[in-house]
């Protein structure tokens, strides 16, 4: 069910629990600012989620409250994951759903990284 991205951060959301080690994940990358792992319900041949380690509900929340080094670290982590998984040459798609209308389901900022083959159009025409 889509969430309201304007609500306070929920410390018990699934990504917060993954960050605390309460729920396992298939980790792809980790640094002081970000964690990347395979999506449990992949929507492309390669589907990786990249999340900041800080408690941010959405891109708006992150861009307003995160310090510059955390923002830079998160953006660099997304690029690193794409390069390390061989996606930079053939192409990939980034998707960040923000709020109810966009279908955001987990109230923790996350970027979907899709690749590994042709992805087709973004929206049905």
N, C-alpha and C. Protein backbone atom coordinates (compact mmCIF):
# COMPACT_ATOMS: atom_id res chain seq x y z
N UNK A 1 0.85 -1.18 0.00
CA UNK A 1 0.00 0.00 0.00
C UNK A 1 0.89 1.24 0.00
N UNK A 2 0.64 2.20 -0.89
CA UNK A 2 1.45 3.42 -0.94
C UNK A 2 1.37 4.22 0.36
N UNK A 3 2.47 4.88 0.67
CA UNK A 3 2.57 5.61 1.93
C UNK A 3 2.50 7.12 1.71
N UNK A 4 2.28 7.84 2.79
CA UNK A 4 2.30 9.29 2.79
C UNK A 4 3.71 9.73 3.15
N UNK A 5 4.47 10.27 2.19
CA UNK A 5 5.87 10.64 2.40
C UNK A 5 6.04 11.87 3.27
N UNK A 6 4.94 12.48 3.72
CA UNK A 6 5.07 13.64 4.60
C UNK A 6 5.00 13.25 6.07
N UNK A 7 4.71 11.98 6.36
CA UNK A 7 4.62 11.51 7.75
C UNK A 7 6.02 11.32 8.32
N UNK A 8 6.13 11.31 9.65
CA UNK A 8 7.44 11.09 10.27
C UNK A 8 8.04 9.73 9.90
N UNK A 9 9.35 9.63 10.03
CA UNK A 9 10.06 8.40 9.72
C UNK A 9 9.61 7.28 10.66
N UNK A 10 9.36 6.11 10.12
CA UNK A 10 8.96 4.92 10.88
C UNK A 10 10.20 4.05 11.10
N UNK A 11 10.69 3.99 12.33
CA UNK A 11 11.89 3.22 12.66
C UNK A 11 11.71 1.72 12.47
N UNK A 12 10.47 1.26 12.25
CA UNK A 12 10.23 -0.17 12.07
C UNK A 12 9.94 -0.55 10.63
N UNK A 13 10.18 0.38 9.67
CA UNK A 13 9.97 0.01 8.27
C UNK A 13 11.01 -1.06 7.89
N UNK A 14 10.72 -1.78 6.83
CA UNK A 14 11.56 -2.93 6.46
C UNK A 14 13.01 -2.53 6.18
N UNK A 15 13.24 -1.36 5.57
CA UNK A 15 14.61 -0.97 5.27
C UNK A 15 15.37 -0.57 6.54
N UNK A 16 14.69 0.04 7.49
CA UNK A 16 15.33 0.34 8.78
C UNK A 16 15.72 -0.96 9.47
N UNK A 17 14.88 -1.96 9.38
CA UNK A 17 15.16 -3.26 9.99
C UNK A 17 16.31 -3.97 9.27
N UNK A 18 16.40 -3.82 7.95
CA UNK A 18 17.53 -4.37 7.20
C UNK A 18 18.81 -3.68 7.64
N UNK A 19 18.78 -2.35 7.75
CA UNK A 19 19.96 -1.60 8.18
C UNK A 19 20.43 -2.02 9.58
N UNK A 20 19.50 -2.37 10.46
CA UNK A 20 19.85 -2.81 11.81
C UNK A 20 20.27 -4.28 11.86
N UNK A 21 20.16 -4.99 10.73
CA UNK A 21 20.54 -6.39 10.68
C UNK A 21 19.47 -7.34 11.18
N UNK A 22 18.27 -6.86 11.37
CA UNK A 22 17.16 -7.70 11.85
C UNK A 22 16.56 -8.56 10.73
N UNK A 23 16.70 -8.09 9.51
CA UNK A 23 16.19 -8.81 8.34
C UNK A 23 17.36 -8.95 7.37
N UNK A 24 17.61 -10.15 6.86
CA UNK A 24 18.74 -10.32 5.93
C UNK A 24 18.44 -9.72 4.56
N UNK A 25 19.50 -9.45 3.83
CA UNK A 25 19.37 -9.00 2.44
C UNK A 25 20.54 -9.58 1.65
N UNK A 26 20.39 -9.57 0.33
CA UNK A 26 21.48 -10.00 -0.55
C UNK A 26 22.26 -8.75 -0.92
N UNK A 27 23.22 -8.42 -0.06
CA UNK A 27 23.97 -7.17 -0.18
C UNK A 27 24.85 -7.16 -1.43
N UNK A 28 24.83 -5.99 -2.11
CA UNK A 28 25.64 -5.76 -3.29
C UNK A 28 26.78 -4.81 -2.96
N UNK A 29 26.50 -3.83 -2.08
CA UNK A 29 27.47 -2.78 -1.77
C UNK A 29 27.09 -2.13 -0.45
N UNK A 30 28.12 -1.69 0.27
CA UNK A 30 27.87 -0.93 1.49
C UNK A 30 29.04 -0.01 1.74
N UNK A 31 28.73 1.20 2.17
CA UNK A 31 29.74 2.17 2.60
C UNK A 31 29.14 2.96 3.76
N UNK A 32 29.81 3.96 4.29
CA UNK A 32 29.26 4.68 5.44
C UNK A 32 27.92 5.39 5.18
N UNK A 33 27.60 5.67 3.92
CA UNK A 33 26.40 6.43 3.59
C UNK A 33 25.26 5.63 2.99
N UNK A 34 25.55 4.45 2.43
CA UNK A 34 24.53 3.74 1.66
C UNK A 34 24.67 2.23 1.78
N UNK A 35 23.56 1.56 1.52
CA UNK A 35 23.52 0.11 1.42
C UNK A 35 22.76 -0.22 0.13
N UNK A 36 23.30 -1.16 -0.65
CA UNK A 36 22.63 -1.61 -1.87
C UNK A 36 22.43 -3.12 -1.79
N UNK A 37 21.25 -3.57 -2.22
CA UNK A 37 20.94 -4.99 -2.15
C UNK A 37 19.92 -5.35 -3.24
N UNK A 38 19.88 -6.63 -3.57
CA UNK A 38 18.95 -7.12 -4.59
C UNK A 38 17.51 -7.02 -4.08
N UNK A 39 16.61 -6.59 -4.96
CA UNK A 39 15.19 -6.55 -4.63
C UNK A 39 14.67 -7.98 -4.53
N UNK A 40 13.82 -8.24 -3.55
CA UNK A 40 13.28 -9.60 -3.37
C UNK A 40 12.22 -9.95 -4.42
N UNK A 41 11.71 -8.95 -5.12
CA UNK A 41 10.71 -9.16 -6.16
C UNK A 41 11.17 -8.40 -7.41
N UNK A 42 12.22 -8.90 -8.09
CA UNK A 42 12.81 -8.14 -9.18
C UNK A 42 11.85 -7.89 -10.34
N UNK A 43 11.95 -6.67 -10.88
CA UNK A 43 11.11 -6.24 -12.00
C UNK A 43 11.92 -6.10 -13.28
N UNK A 44 13.19 -6.52 -13.26
CA UNK A 44 14.08 -6.48 -14.41
C UNK A 44 15.13 -7.57 -14.20
N UNK A 45 15.90 -7.92 -15.25
CA UNK A 45 16.94 -8.93 -15.06
C UNK A 45 17.88 -8.60 -13.89
N UNK A 46 18.18 -7.32 -13.71
CA UNK A 46 18.94 -6.88 -12.54
C UNK A 46 18.13 -5.77 -11.88
N UNK A 47 17.81 -5.94 -10.61
CA UNK A 47 17.00 -4.97 -9.87
C UNK A 47 17.61 -4.82 -8.49
N UNK A 48 18.29 -3.71 -8.28
CA UNK A 48 18.98 -3.44 -7.03
C UNK A 48 18.36 -2.21 -6.38
N UNK A 49 18.21 -2.27 -5.07
CA UNK A 49 17.75 -1.11 -4.30
C UNK A 49 18.96 -0.48 -3.63
N UNK A 50 19.03 0.85 -3.68
CA UNK A 50 20.09 1.58 -2.99
C UNK A 50 19.40 2.50 -2.00
N UNK A 51 19.80 2.40 -0.73
CA UNK A 51 19.17 3.20 0.32
C UNK A 51 20.23 3.96 1.11
N UNK A 52 19.90 5.18 1.54
CA UNK A 52 20.82 5.87 2.44
C UNK A 52 20.73 5.23 3.82
N UNK A 53 21.79 5.32 4.58
CA UNK A 53 21.78 4.75 5.94
C UNK A 53 21.04 5.63 6.93
N UNK A 54 20.85 6.90 6.59
CA UNK A 54 20.12 7.81 7.47
C UNK A 54 18.62 7.59 7.39
N UNK A 55 17.92 8.12 8.38
CA UNK A 55 16.46 7.97 8.50
C UNK A 55 15.74 9.05 7.70
N UNK A 56 15.54 8.79 6.41
CA UNK A 56 14.87 9.73 5.52
C UNK A 56 13.69 9.05 4.85
N UNK A 57 12.54 9.70 4.87
CA UNK A 57 11.32 9.12 4.30
C UNK A 57 11.34 9.19 2.77
N UNK A 58 11.82 10.29 2.22
CA UNK A 58 11.68 10.53 0.79
C UNK A 58 12.83 11.37 0.27
N UNK A 59 12.84 11.54 -1.06
CA UNK A 59 13.87 12.39 -1.67
C UNK A 59 13.76 13.82 -1.14
N UNK A 60 12.54 14.32 -0.97
CA UNK A 60 12.34 15.67 -0.44
C UNK A 60 12.94 15.79 0.96
N UNK A 61 12.64 14.83 1.82
CA UNK A 61 13.16 14.80 3.18
C UNK A 61 14.69 14.74 3.18
N UNK A 62 15.24 13.87 2.37
CA UNK A 62 16.69 13.70 2.25
C UNK A 62 17.37 14.97 1.77
N UNK A 63 16.85 15.57 0.70
CA UNK A 63 17.49 16.77 0.14
C UNK A 63 17.39 17.96 1.07
N UNK A 64 16.40 17.97 1.95
CA UNK A 64 16.24 19.07 2.90
C UNK A 64 17.08 18.88 4.16
N UNK A 65 17.18 17.67 4.67
CA UNK A 65 17.80 17.45 5.98
C UNK A 65 19.20 16.84 5.98
N UNK A 66 19.55 16.09 4.96
CA UNK A 66 20.84 15.38 4.97
C UNK A 66 21.99 16.36 4.77
N UNK A 67 23.11 16.14 5.46
CA UNK A 67 24.29 16.96 5.22
C UNK A 67 24.87 16.69 3.83
N UNK A 68 25.61 17.64 3.31
CA UNK A 68 26.14 17.55 1.94
C UNK A 68 26.97 16.30 1.73
N UNK A 69 27.78 15.90 2.71
CA UNK A 69 28.61 14.70 2.51
C UNK A 69 27.76 13.44 2.40
N UNK A 70 26.64 13.40 3.10
CA UNK A 70 25.75 12.24 3.02
C UNK A 70 25.03 12.20 1.66
N UNK A 71 24.62 13.36 1.18
CA UNK A 71 23.98 13.42 -0.15
C UNK A 71 24.97 12.98 -1.22
N UNK A 72 26.17 13.53 -1.17
CA UNK A 72 27.20 13.16 -2.16
C UNK A 72 27.53 11.67 -2.06
N UNK A 73 27.65 11.16 -0.85
CA UNK A 73 27.97 9.74 -0.68
C UNK A 73 26.90 8.83 -1.24
N UNK A 74 25.64 9.20 -1.04
CA UNK A 74 24.54 8.39 -1.55
C UNK A 74 24.52 8.40 -3.08
N UNK A 75 24.65 9.58 -3.67
CA UNK A 75 24.65 9.69 -5.14
C UNK A 75 25.84 8.91 -5.72
N UNK A 76 27.00 9.02 -5.09
CA UNK A 76 28.18 8.27 -5.57
C UNK A 76 27.96 6.76 -5.43
N UNK A 77 27.28 6.34 -4.37
CA UNK A 77 27.01 4.91 -4.18
C UNK A 77 26.14 4.37 -5.31
N UNK A 78 25.14 5.13 -5.72
CA UNK A 78 24.28 4.69 -6.83
C UNK A 78 25.12 4.50 -8.10
N UNK A 79 25.97 5.46 -8.41
CA UNK A 79 26.83 5.35 -9.58
C UNK A 79 27.80 4.18 -9.47
N UNK A 80 28.37 3.99 -8.30
CA UNK A 80 29.30 2.89 -8.07
C UNK A 80 28.62 1.54 -8.31
N UNK A 81 27.43 1.37 -7.77
CA UNK A 81 26.69 0.12 -7.94
C UNK A 81 26.41 -0.13 -9.42
N UNK A 82 26.01 0.90 -10.15
CA UNK A 82 25.75 0.75 -11.59
C UNK A 82 27.01 0.31 -12.32
N UNK A 83 28.13 0.99 -12.05
CA UNK A 83 29.39 0.64 -12.73
C UNK A 83 29.84 -0.77 -12.36
N UNK A 84 29.82 -1.10 -11.09
CA UNK A 84 30.30 -2.41 -10.63
C UNK A 84 29.46 -3.56 -11.14
N UNK A 85 28.23 -3.30 -11.52
CA UNK A 85 27.35 -4.34 -12.05
C UNK A 85 27.27 -4.31 -13.57
N UNK A 86 28.20 -3.59 -14.20
CA UNK A 86 28.30 -3.58 -15.65
C UNK A 86 27.18 -2.86 -16.38
N UNK A 87 26.51 -1.93 -15.71
CA UNK A 87 25.36 -1.28 -16.32
C UNK A 87 25.68 0.04 -17.00
N UNK A 88 26.79 0.64 -16.68
CA UNK A 88 27.10 1.98 -17.20
C UNK A 88 27.22 2.00 -18.73
N UNK A 89 27.74 0.95 -19.32
CA UNK A 89 27.95 0.92 -20.77
C UNK A 89 26.64 0.70 -21.53
N UNK A 90 25.84 -0.27 -21.13
CA UNK A 90 24.62 -0.63 -21.86
C UNK A 90 23.40 0.19 -21.47
N UNK A 91 23.46 0.78 -20.28
CA UNK A 91 22.35 1.61 -19.82
C UNK A 91 21.56 0.97 -18.70
N UNK A 92 20.90 1.82 -17.96
CA UNK A 92 20.09 1.38 -16.82
C UNK A 92 19.07 2.46 -16.51
N UNK A 93 18.13 2.12 -15.65
CA UNK A 93 17.09 3.05 -15.25
C UNK A 93 17.14 3.22 -13.73
N UNK A 94 16.98 4.47 -13.28
CA UNK A 94 16.84 4.78 -11.87
C UNK A 94 15.42 5.21 -11.62
N UNK A 95 14.85 4.76 -10.52
CA UNK A 95 13.48 5.14 -10.18
C UNK A 95 13.40 5.37 -8.68
N UNK A 96 12.87 6.50 -8.29
CA UNK A 96 12.59 6.79 -6.88
C UNK A 96 11.14 7.22 -6.79
N UNK A 97 10.31 6.37 -6.23
CA UNK A 97 8.91 6.70 -6.02
C UNK A 97 8.80 7.53 -4.74
N UNK A 98 8.11 8.65 -4.82
CA UNK A 98 7.97 9.54 -3.66
C UNK A 98 6.49 9.79 -3.39
N UNK A 99 6.01 9.23 -2.29
CA UNK A 99 4.64 9.48 -1.87
C UNK A 99 3.60 8.56 -2.47
N UNK A 100 2.40 8.77 -2.01
CA UNK A 100 1.25 7.92 -2.36
C UNK A 100 0.99 7.89 -3.86
N UNK A 101 0.93 9.05 -4.51
CA UNK A 101 0.59 9.09 -5.94
C UNK A 101 1.63 8.38 -6.81
N UNK A 102 2.86 8.31 -6.33
CA UNK A 102 3.91 7.63 -7.10
C UNK A 102 4.03 6.15 -6.74
N UNK A 103 3.29 5.72 -5.72
CA UNK A 103 3.31 4.32 -5.33
C UNK A 103 4.44 3.93 -4.38
N UNK A 104 5.00 4.90 -3.64
CA UNK A 104 6.04 4.57 -2.67
C UNK A 104 5.45 3.64 -1.60
N UNK A 105 6.07 2.47 -1.42
CA UNK A 105 5.54 1.47 -0.50
C UNK A 105 6.31 1.39 0.81
N UNK A 106 7.59 1.75 0.80
CA UNK A 106 8.39 1.70 2.02
C UNK A 106 8.77 3.13 2.40
N UNK A 107 8.47 3.55 3.63
CA UNK A 107 8.73 4.93 4.02
C UNK A 107 10.20 5.19 4.40
N UNK A 108 11.10 4.79 3.51
CA UNK A 108 12.53 5.06 3.63
C UNK A 108 12.99 5.35 2.21
N UNK A 109 13.69 6.48 2.01
CA UNK A 109 14.16 6.80 0.67
C UNK A 109 14.90 5.62 0.08
N UNK A 110 14.57 5.29 -1.15
CA UNK A 110 15.28 4.24 -1.86
C UNK A 110 15.22 4.50 -3.36
N UNK A 111 16.27 4.09 -4.03
CA UNK A 111 16.35 4.20 -5.48
C UNK A 111 16.39 2.79 -6.05
N UNK A 112 15.52 2.53 -7.01
CA UNK A 112 15.54 1.27 -7.74
C UNK A 112 16.51 1.44 -8.90
N UNK A 113 17.41 0.51 -9.07
CA UNK A 113 18.34 0.50 -10.19
C UNK A 113 17.97 -0.73 -11.03
N UNK A 114 17.47 -0.47 -12.24
CA UNK A 114 17.04 -1.55 -13.14
C UNK A 114 18.01 -1.66 -14.30
N UNK A 115 18.33 -2.87 -14.71
CA UNK A 115 19.20 -3.06 -15.87
C UNK A 115 19.29 -4.52 -16.23
N UNK A 116 20.31 -4.83 -17.03
CA UNK A 116 20.54 -6.21 -17.42
C UNK A 116 19.85 -6.62 -18.70
N UNK A 117 19.21 -5.68 -19.38
CA UNK A 117 18.54 -5.98 -20.64
C UNK A 117 17.66 -4.81 -21.03
N UNK A 118 17.06 -4.84 -22.22
CA UNK A 118 16.17 -3.77 -22.63
C UNK A 118 15.01 -3.63 -21.65
N UNK A 119 14.70 -2.40 -21.28
CA UNK A 119 13.68 -2.15 -20.26
C UNK A 119 12.36 -1.67 -20.85
N UNK A 120 12.36 -1.26 -22.09
CA UNK A 120 11.12 -0.78 -22.68
C UNK A 120 10.79 0.62 -22.25
N UNK A 121 9.63 1.13 -22.68
CA UNK A 121 9.27 2.51 -22.34
C UNK A 121 8.97 2.64 -20.86
N UNK A 122 9.17 3.82 -20.33
CA UNK A 122 8.93 4.09 -18.92
C UNK A 122 7.44 4.02 -18.59
N UNK A 123 6.63 4.62 -19.42
CA UNK A 123 5.18 4.62 -19.20
C UNK A 123 4.49 4.11 -20.45
N UNK A 124 3.35 3.47 -20.25
CA UNK A 124 2.57 3.02 -21.40
C UNK A 124 2.09 4.22 -22.19
N UNK A 125 2.14 4.12 -23.49
CA UNK A 125 1.73 5.25 -24.34
C UNK A 125 0.27 5.16 -24.66
